[in-house]
Amino acid sequence: MQPTTFYLPIVAVICGGEKSYKASVTEKSYDALPRQLGEAIAARKWNLLTGGGTGAMYLVTEAYNTYNNEKQQSNVCHSLAMLPENKSNEAGAGLELRTSLPGTKWDEEGYLDGRSRNHLNIRLADVVVALPGGPGTQSELTLAVRHKKPCIAFLKEDGDRIGNLKRDANTLLGVDVEIANSIAQVKKFFVRHAPTKIGLVGEGE
């Protein structure tokens, strides 16, 4: 009897920290978007990956961890934080992935040419969900498109945006990036883009 392997997908949630998130989201969406998303990811028993910061990263992680604890599935799926150089796990993720990469001053060229942890976030992800945020979040969405990752922008209200990208646009970045205005649409996106699982939990013959 050989033990089989079981792959739990990783959802990268790209979003703003406290300052950029507040500046990019409406009051109606502030708590609702990340909390609904965190619970939806946990309900699928998928792993959550964020940048480990404040704002939407904290809110989505808190909702995800709370759901896992209530359902007693914390030993099955995990919240992960891809941390920049000399930064703490402010989001409260269960597992820390520490890097030596900078995470402070935003620089468009640096974010897109490989000198940022954004590349690690996107490369590790099976699917990407973008919440409101500033230019750093917009750069991560650009990377998700560049690396051909399934990605969706969760923007509920007309005032919600990602960098200079608004919800009322038909497409983002000139390409077909899906825009959801409800958690039901995000859940349907998860079903359509669920990665193939390898094997089953337990032992195989």
C-alpha atoms as a PDB file:
ATOM      1  CA  MET A   1       0.000   0.000   0.000  1.00  0.00           C
ATOM      2  CA  GLN A   2       1.546   3.256  -1.115  1.00  0.00           C
ATOM      3  CA  PRO A   3       0.256   6.592   0.200  1.00  0.00           C
ATOM      4  CA  THR A   4      -1.268   8.719  -2.518  1.00  0.00           C
ATOM      5  CA  THR A   5      -0.756  12.447  -2.943  1.00  0.00           C
ATOM      6  CA  PHE A   6      -3.443  15.096  -2.734  1.00  0.00           C
ATOM      7  CA  TYR A   7      -3.102  18.589  -4.144  1.00  0.00           C
ATOM      8  CA  LEU A   8      -4.992  21.478  -2.623  1.00  0.00           C
ATOM      9  CA  PRO A   9      -5.126  24.472  -4.978  1.00  0.00           C
ATOM     10  CA  ILE A  10      -3.716  27.867  -4.028  1.00  0.00           C
ATOM     11  CA  VAL A  11      -5.793  30.999  -4.502  1.00  0.00           C
ATOM     12  CA  ALA A  12      -3.715  34.163  -4.562  1.00  0.00           C
ATOM     13  CA  VAL A  13      -5.764  37.119  -3.377  1.00  0.00           C
ATOM     14  CA  ILE A  14      -4.102  40.294  -4.607  1.00  0.00           C
ATOM     15  CA  CYS A  15      -5.294  43.485  -2.945  1.00  0.00           C
ATOM     16  CA  GLY A  16      -4.289  46.648  -1.192  1.00  0.00           C
ATOM     17  CA  GLY A  17      -2.903  47.193   2.269  1.00  0.00           C
ATOM     18  CA  GLU A  18      -4.802  49.447   4.673  1.00  0.00           C
ATOM     19  CA  LYS A  19      -3.992  52.769   3.022  1.00  0.00           C
ATOM     20  CA  SER A  20      -4.372  51.762  -0.632  1.00  0.00           C
ATOM     21  CA  TYR A  21      -7.384  49.560   0.076  1.00  0.00           C
ATOM     22  CA  LYS A  22      -9.285  52.384   1.791  1.00  0.00           C
ATOM     23  CA  ALA A  23      -8.484  54.668  -1.135  1.00  0.00           C
ATOM     24  CA  SER A  24      -9.670  52.115  -3.714  1.00  0.00           C
ATOM     25  CA  VAL A  25     -12.872  50.708  -2.236  1.00  0.00           C
ATOM     26  CA  THR A  26     -16.312  52.042  -1.339  1.00  0.00           C
ATOM     27  CA  GLU A  27     -17.566  51.935   2.240  1.00  0.00           C
ATOM     28  CA  LYS A  28     -20.176  49.308   1.288  1.00  0.00           C
ATOM     29  CA  SER A  29     -17.506  46.967  -0.038  1.00  0.00           C
ATOM     30  CA  TYR A  30     -14.814  47.504   2.604  1.00  0.00           C
ATOM     31  CA  ASP A  31     -15.649  44.565   4.885  1.00  0.00           C
ATOM     32  CA  ALA A  32     -17.968  42.617   2.595  1.00  0.00           C
ATOM     33  CA  LEU A  33     -15.620  41.791  -0.289  1.00  0.00           C
ATOM     34  CA  PRO A  34     -12.663  40.261   1.593  1.00  0.00           C
ATOM     35  CA  ARG A  35     -14.776  38.500   4.219  1.00  0.00           C
ATOM     36  CA  GLN A  36     -17.073  36.886   1.651  1.00  0.00           C
ATOM     37  CA  LEU A  37     -14.057  35.862  -0.390  1.00  0.00           C
ATOM     38  CA  GLY A  38     -12.142  34.400   2.555  1.00  0.00           C
ATOM     39  CA  GLU A  39     -15.106  32.239   3.560  1.00  0.00           C
ATOM     40  CA  ALA A  40     -15.681  31.084  -0.025  1.00  0.00           C
ATOM     41  CA  ILE A  41     -12.061  29.946  -0.425  1.00  0.00           C
ATOM     42  CA  ALA A  42     -12.087  28.153   2.923  1.00  0.00           C
ATOM     43  CA  ALA A  43     -15.394  26.442   2.076  1.00  0.00           C
ATOM     44  CA  ARG A  44     -13.702  24.850  -0.937  1.00  0.00           C
ATOM     45  CA  LYS A  45     -10.834  23.679   1.285  1.00  0.00           C
ATOM     46  CA  TRP A  46      -8.327  25.508  -0.906  1.00  0.00           C
ATOM     47  CA  ASN A  47      -5.218  27.313   0.347  1.00  0.00           C
ATOM     48  CA  LEU A  48      -5.177  31.112   0.590  1.00  0.00           C
ATOM     49  CA  LEU A  49      -2.087  33.138  -0.375  1.00  0.00           C
ATOM     50  CA  THR A  50      -1.714  36.880   0.291  1.00  0.00           C
ATOM     51  CA  GLY A  51       1.120  39.337   0.768  1.00  0.00           C
ATOM     52  CA  GLY A  52       0.651  39.105   4.548  1.00  0.00           C
ATOM     53  CA  GLY A  53      -0.140  42.781   5.053  1.00  0.00           C
ATOM     54  CA  THR A  54      -2.959  44.929   6.422  1.00  0.00           C
ATOM     55  CA  GLY A  55      -6.223  46.096   4.880  1.00  0.00           C
ATOM     56  CA  ALA A  56      -7.918  43.596   2.588  1.00  0.00           C
ATOM     57  CA  MET A  57      -5.121  41.071   3.167  1.00  0.00           C
ATOM     58  CA  TYR A  58      -5.899  41.039   6.882  1.00  0.00           C
ATOM     59  CA  LEU A  59      -9.677  40.875   6.402  1.00  0.00           C
ATOM     60  CA  VAL A  60      -9.655  38.027   3.882  1.00  0.00           C
ATOM     61  CA  THR A  61      -7.192  36.048   6.009  1.00  0.00           C
ATOM     62  CA  GLU A  62      -9.190  36.588   9.190  1.00  0.00           C
ATOM     63  CA  ALA A  63     -12.409  35.375   7.546  1.00  0.00           C
ATOM     64  CA  TYR A  64     -10.595  32.389   6.043  1.00  0.00           C
ATOM     65  CA  ASN A  65      -8.991  31.384   9.360  1.00  0.00           C
ATOM     66  CA  THR A  66     -12.244  31.829  11.293  1.00  0.00           C
ATOM     67  CA  TYR A  67     -14.140  29.576   8.890  1.00  0.00           C
ATOM     68  CA  ASN A  68     -11.408  26.910   9.028  1.00  0.00           C
ATOM     69  CA  ASN A  69     -11.365  26.948  12.824  1.00  0.00           C
ATOM     70  CA  GLU A  70     -15.148  26.737  13.096  1.00  0.00           C
ATOM     71  CA  LYS A  71     -15.256  23.802  10.660  1.00  0.00           C
ATOM     72  CA  GLN A  72     -12.176  22.177  12.264  1.00  0.00           C
ATOM     73  CA  GLN A  73     -10.335  21.985   8.967  1.00  0.00           C
ATOM     74  CA  SER A  74      -7.229  24.011   9.864  1.00  0.00           C
ATOM     75  CA  ASN A  75      -5.085  20.895   9.459  1.00  0.00           C
ATOM     76  CA  VAL A  76      -6.341  20.442   5.890  1.00  0.00           C
ATOM     77  CA  CYS A  77      -5.925  23.825   4.219  1.00  0.00           C
ATOM     78  CA  HIS A  78      -3.869  26.854   5.214  1.00  0.00           C
ATOM     79  CA  SER A  79      -3.559  30.614   4.940  1.00  0.00           C
ATOM     80  CA  LEU A  80      -0.149  31.588   3.578  1.00  0.00           C
ATOM     81  CA  ALA A  81       1.680  34.926   3.684  1.00  0.00           C
ATOM     82  CA  MET A  82       4.396  35.787   1.147  1.00  0.00           C
ATOM     83  CA  LEU A  83       6.315  38.308   3.249  1.00  0.00           C
ATOM     84  CA  PRO A  84       8.692  40.988   1.996  1.00  0.00           C
ATOM     85  CA  GLU A  85      12.055  41.730   3.562  1.00  0.00           C
ATOM     86  CA  ASN A  86      11.903  42.706   7.261  1.00  0.00           C
ATOM     87  CA  LYS A  87       8.085  42.649   7.447  1.00  0.00           C
ATOM     88  CA  SER A  88       5.908  40.852   9.982  1.00  0.00           C
ATOM     89  CA  ASN A  89       2.888  38.680   9.283  1.00  0.00           C
ATOM     90  CA  GLU A  90       0.321  41.417   9.847  1.00  0.00           C
ATOM     91  CA  ALA A  91      -2.445  39.472   8.129  1.00  0.00           C
ATOM     92  CA  GLY A  92      -2.250  36.676  10.702  1.00  0.00           C
ATOM     93  CA  ALA A  93      -1.673  33.902   8.150  1.00  0.00           C
ATOM     94  CA  GLY A  94      -1.066  30.421   9.505  1.00  0.00           C
ATOM     95  CA  LEU A  95       2.108  29.845   7.470  1.00  0.00           C
ATOM     96  CA  GLU A  96       4.783  32.429   6.672  1.00  0.00           C
ATOM     97  CA  LEU A  97       6.817  32.343   3.446  1.00  0.00           C
ATOM     98  CA  ARG A  98       9.693  34.759   4.036  1.00  0.00           C
ATOM     99  CA  THR A  99      11.621  36.339   1.178  1.00  0.00           C
ATOM    100  CA  SER A 100      14.588  38.681   0.910  1.00  0.00           C
ATOM    101  CA  LEU A 101      12.716  40.812  -1.614  1.00  0.00           C
ATOM    102  CA  PRO A 102      11.735  44.418  -0.898  1.00  0.00           C
ATOM    103  CA  GLY A 103       8.135  45.269  -0.164  1.00  0.00           C
ATOM    104  CA  THR A 104       7.977  49.005   0.446  1.00  0.00           C
ATOM    105  CA  LYS A 105       8.401  51.650  -2.257  1.00  0.00           C
ATOM    106  CA  TRP A 106       6.311  50.834  -5.307  1.00  0.00           C
ATOM    107  CA  ASP A 107       8.260  50.842  -8.536  1.00  0.00           C
ATOM    108  CA  GLU A 108       6.466  49.784 -11.725  1.00  0.00           C
ATOM    109  CA  GLU A 109       9.578  48.454 -13.451  1.00  0.00           C
ATOM    110  CA  GLY A 110      10.692  46.548 -10.364  1.00  0.00           C
ATOM    111  CA  TYR A 111       7.289  45.012  -9.847  1.00  0.00           C
ATOM    112  CA  LEU A 112       7.094  43.718 -13.404  1.00  0.00           C
ATOM    113  CA  ASP A 113      10.661  42.627 -14.196  1.00  0.00           C
ATOM    114  CA  GLY A 114      11.160  40.071 -11.429  1.00  0.00           C
ATOM    115  CA  ARG A 115      12.556  42.147  -8.563  1.00  0.00           C
ATOM    116  CA  SER A 116       9.476  41.743  -6.392  1.00  0.00           C
ATOM    117  CA  ARG A 117       7.633  39.054  -4.485  1.00  0.00           C
ATOM    118  CA  ASN A 118       4.640  39.712  -6.730  1.00  0.00           C
ATOM    119  CA  HIS A 119       6.147  37.237  -9.173  1.00  0.00           C
ATOM    120  CA  LEU A 120       6.307  34.605  -6.443  1.00  0.00           C
ATOM    121  CA  ASN A 121       2.680  35.185  -5.485  1.00  0.00           C
ATOM    122  CA  ILE A 122       1.456  34.827  -9.050  1.00  0.00           C
ATOM    123  CA  ARG A 123       3.701  31.897  -9.977  1.00  0.00           C
ATOM    124  CA  LEU A 124       2.587  29.899  -6.928  1.00  0.00           C
ATOM    125  CA  ALA A 125      -1.101  30.519  -7.561  1.00  0.00           C
ATOM    126  CA  ASP A 126      -3.459  28.226  -9.417  1.00  0.00           C
ATOM    127  CA  VAL A 127      -6.048  30.993  -9.663  1.00  0.00           C
ATOM    128  CA  VAL A 128      -5.928  34.695  -8.834  1.00  0.00           C
ATOM    129  CA  VAL A 129      -8.638  36.920  -7.373  1.00  0.00           C
ATOM    130  CA  ALA A 130      -8.081  40.674  -7.340  1.00  0.00           C
ATOM    131  CA  LEU A 131      -9.753  42.908  -4.762  1.00  0.00           C
ATOM    132  CA  PRO A 132      -9.524  46.714  -4.783  1.00  0.00           C
ATOM    133  CA  GLY A 133      -6.046  48.149  -4.351  1.00  0.00           C
ATOM    134  CA  GLY A 134      -3.511  50.589  -5.717  1.00  0.00           C
ATOM    135  CA  PRO A 135      -0.873  50.403  -8.464  1.00  0.00           C
ATOM    136  CA  GLY A 136       0.875  47.453  -6.793  1.00  0.00           C
ATOM    137  CA  THR A 137      -2.315  45.394  -7.043  1.00  0.00           C
ATOM    138  CA  GLN A 138      -2.736  46.488 -10.644  1.00  0.00           C
ATOM    139  CA  SER A 139       0.801  45.298 -11.403  1.00  0.00           C
ATOM    140  CA  GLU A 140       0.023  41.884  -9.905  1.00  0.00           C
ATOM    141  CA  LEU A 141      -3.057  41.636 -12.119  1.00  0.00           C
ATOM    142  CA  THR A 142      -0.828  42.472 -15.080  1.00  0.00           C
ATOM    143  CA  LEU A 143       1.491  39.638 -14.054  1.00  0.00           C
ATOM    144  CA  ALA A 144      -1.420  37.209 -13.690  1.00  0.00           C
ATOM    145  CA  VAL A 145      -2.441  37.962 -17.272  1.00  0.00           C
ATOM    146  CA  ARG A 146       1.156  37.734 -18.477  1.00  0.00           C
ATOM    147  CA  HIS A 147       1.625  34.321 -16.850  1.00  0.00           C
ATOM    148  CA  LYS A 148      -1.747  33.125 -18.161  1.00  0.00           C
ATOM    149  CA  LYS A 149      -3.216  32.482 -14.721  1.00  0.00           C
ATOM    150  CA  PRO A 150      -7.010  32.296 -14.455  1.00  0.00           C
ATOM    151  CA  CYS A 151      -7.906  35.598 -12.807  1.00  0.00           C
ATOM    152  CA  ILE A 152     -10.985  37.539 -11.828  1.00  0.00           C
ATOM    153  CA  ALA A 153     -11.485  41.016 -10.375  1.00  0.00           C
ATOM    154  CA  PHE A 154     -14.038  41.158  -7.538  1.00  0.00           C
ATOM    155  CA  LEU A 155     -15.407  44.714  -7.670  1.00  0.00           C
ATOM    156  CA  LYS A 156     -18.930  45.119  -6.315  1.00  0.00           C
ATOM    157  CA  GLU A 157     -19.673  48.831  -6.418  1.00  0.00           C
ATOM    158  CA  ASP A 158     -19.055  51.394  -9.152  1.00  0.00           C
ATOM    159  CA  GLY A 159     -16.488  53.160  -6.968  1.00  0.00           C
ATOM    160  CA  ASP A 160     -14.375  50.030  -6.419  1.00  0.00           C
ATOM    161  CA  ARG A 161     -11.166  50.005  -8.463  1.00  0.00           C
ATOM    162  CA  ILE A 162      -7.762  48.452  -8.942  1.00  0.00           C
ATOM    163  CA  GLY A 163      -5.194  51.165  -9.575  1.00  0.00           C
ATOM    164  CA  ASN A 164      -6.831  53.195 -12.336  1.00  0.00           C
ATOM    165  CA  LEU A 165      -9.048  50.299 -13.473  1.00  0.00           C
ATOM    166  CA  LYS A 166     -12.743  50.711 -12.681  1.00  0.00           C
ATOM    167  CA  ARG A 167     -15.543  48.167 -12.346  1.00  0.00           C
ATOM    168  CA  ASP A 168     -17.591  49.524 -15.234  1.00  0.00           C
ATOM    169  CA  ALA A 169     -14.892  48.604 -17.776  1.00  0.00           C
ATOM    170  CA  ASN A 170     -15.817  45.687 -20.038  1.00  0.00           C
ATOM    171  CA  THR A 171     -12.277  44.360 -19.915  1.00  0.00           C
ATOM    172  CA  LEU A 172      -9.224  45.098 -17.806  1.00  0.00           C
ATOM    173  CA  LEU A 173      -5.744  45.714 -19.229  1.00  0.00           C
ATOM    174  CA  GLY A 174      -7.105  45.353 -22.753  1.00  0.00           C
ATOM    175  CA  VAL A 175      -7.580  41.618 -22.273  1.00  0.00           C
ATOM    176  CA  ASP A 176     -10.429  39.400 -21.172  1.00  0.00           C
ATOM    177  CA  VAL A 177     -10.123  39.565 -17.388  1.00  0.00           C
ATOM    178  CA  GLU A 178     -13.428  38.627 -15.835  1.00  0.00           C
ATOM    179  CA  ILE A 179     -15.106  41.079 -13.470  1.00  0.00           C
ATOM    180  CA  ALA A 180     -17.414  39.810 -10.696  1.00  0.00           C
ATOM    181  CA  ASN A 181     -19.803  41.999  -8.727  1.00  0.00           C
ATOM    182  CA  SER A 182     -21.050  39.208  -6.437  1.00  0.00           C
ATOM    183  CA  ILE A 183     -19.510  36.358  -4.461  1.00  0.00           C
ATOM    184  CA  ALA A 184     -21.765  33.964  -6.410  1.00  0.00           C
ATOM    185  CA  GLN A 185     -19.920  34.913  -9.604  1.00  0.00           C
ATOM    186  CA  VAL A 186     -16.567  34.325  -7.899  1.00  0.00           C
ATOM    187  CA  LYS A 187     -17.725  30.876  -6.742  1.00  0.00           C
ATOM    188  CA  LYS A 188     -18.726  29.992 -10.321  1.00  0.00           C
ATOM    189  CA  PHE A 189     -15.278  31.119 -11.437  1.00  0.00           C
ATOM    190  CA  PHE A 190     -13.728  28.707  -8.899  1.00  0.00           C
ATOM    191  CA  VAL A 191     -15.809  25.836 -10.284  1.00  0.00           C
ATOM    192  CA  ARG A 192     -14.794  26.583 -13.883  1.00  0.00           C
ATOM    193  CA  HIS A 193     -11.095  26.911 -13.063  1.00  0.00           C
ATOM    194  CA  ALA A 194     -10.664  24.262 -10.368  1.00  0.00           C
ATOM    195  CA  PRO A 195      -7.268  22.584 -10.924  1.00  0.00           C
ATOM    196  CA  THR A 196      -7.151  18.816 -11.285  1.00  0.00           C
ATOM    197  CA  LYS A 197      -6.573  17.107  -7.958  1.00  0.00           C
ATOM    198  CA  ILE A 198      -3.852  14.467  -7.793  1.00  0.00           C
ATOM    199  CA  GLY A 199      -4.931  11.284  -6.091  1.00  0.00           C
ATOM    200  CA  LEU A 200      -7.041  11.023  -2.962  1.00  0.00           C
ATOM    201  CA  VAL A 201      -6.533  11.581   0.736  1.00  0.00           C
ATOM    202  CA  GLY A 202      -5.446   8.321   2.370  1.00  0.00           C
ATOM    203  CA  GLU A 203      -3.660   5.327   0.918  1.00  0.00           C
ATOM    204  CA  GLY A 204      -3.762   3.757  -2.498  1.00  0.00           C
ATOM    205  CA  GLU A 205      -3.242   0.225  -3.595  1.00  0.00           C
END
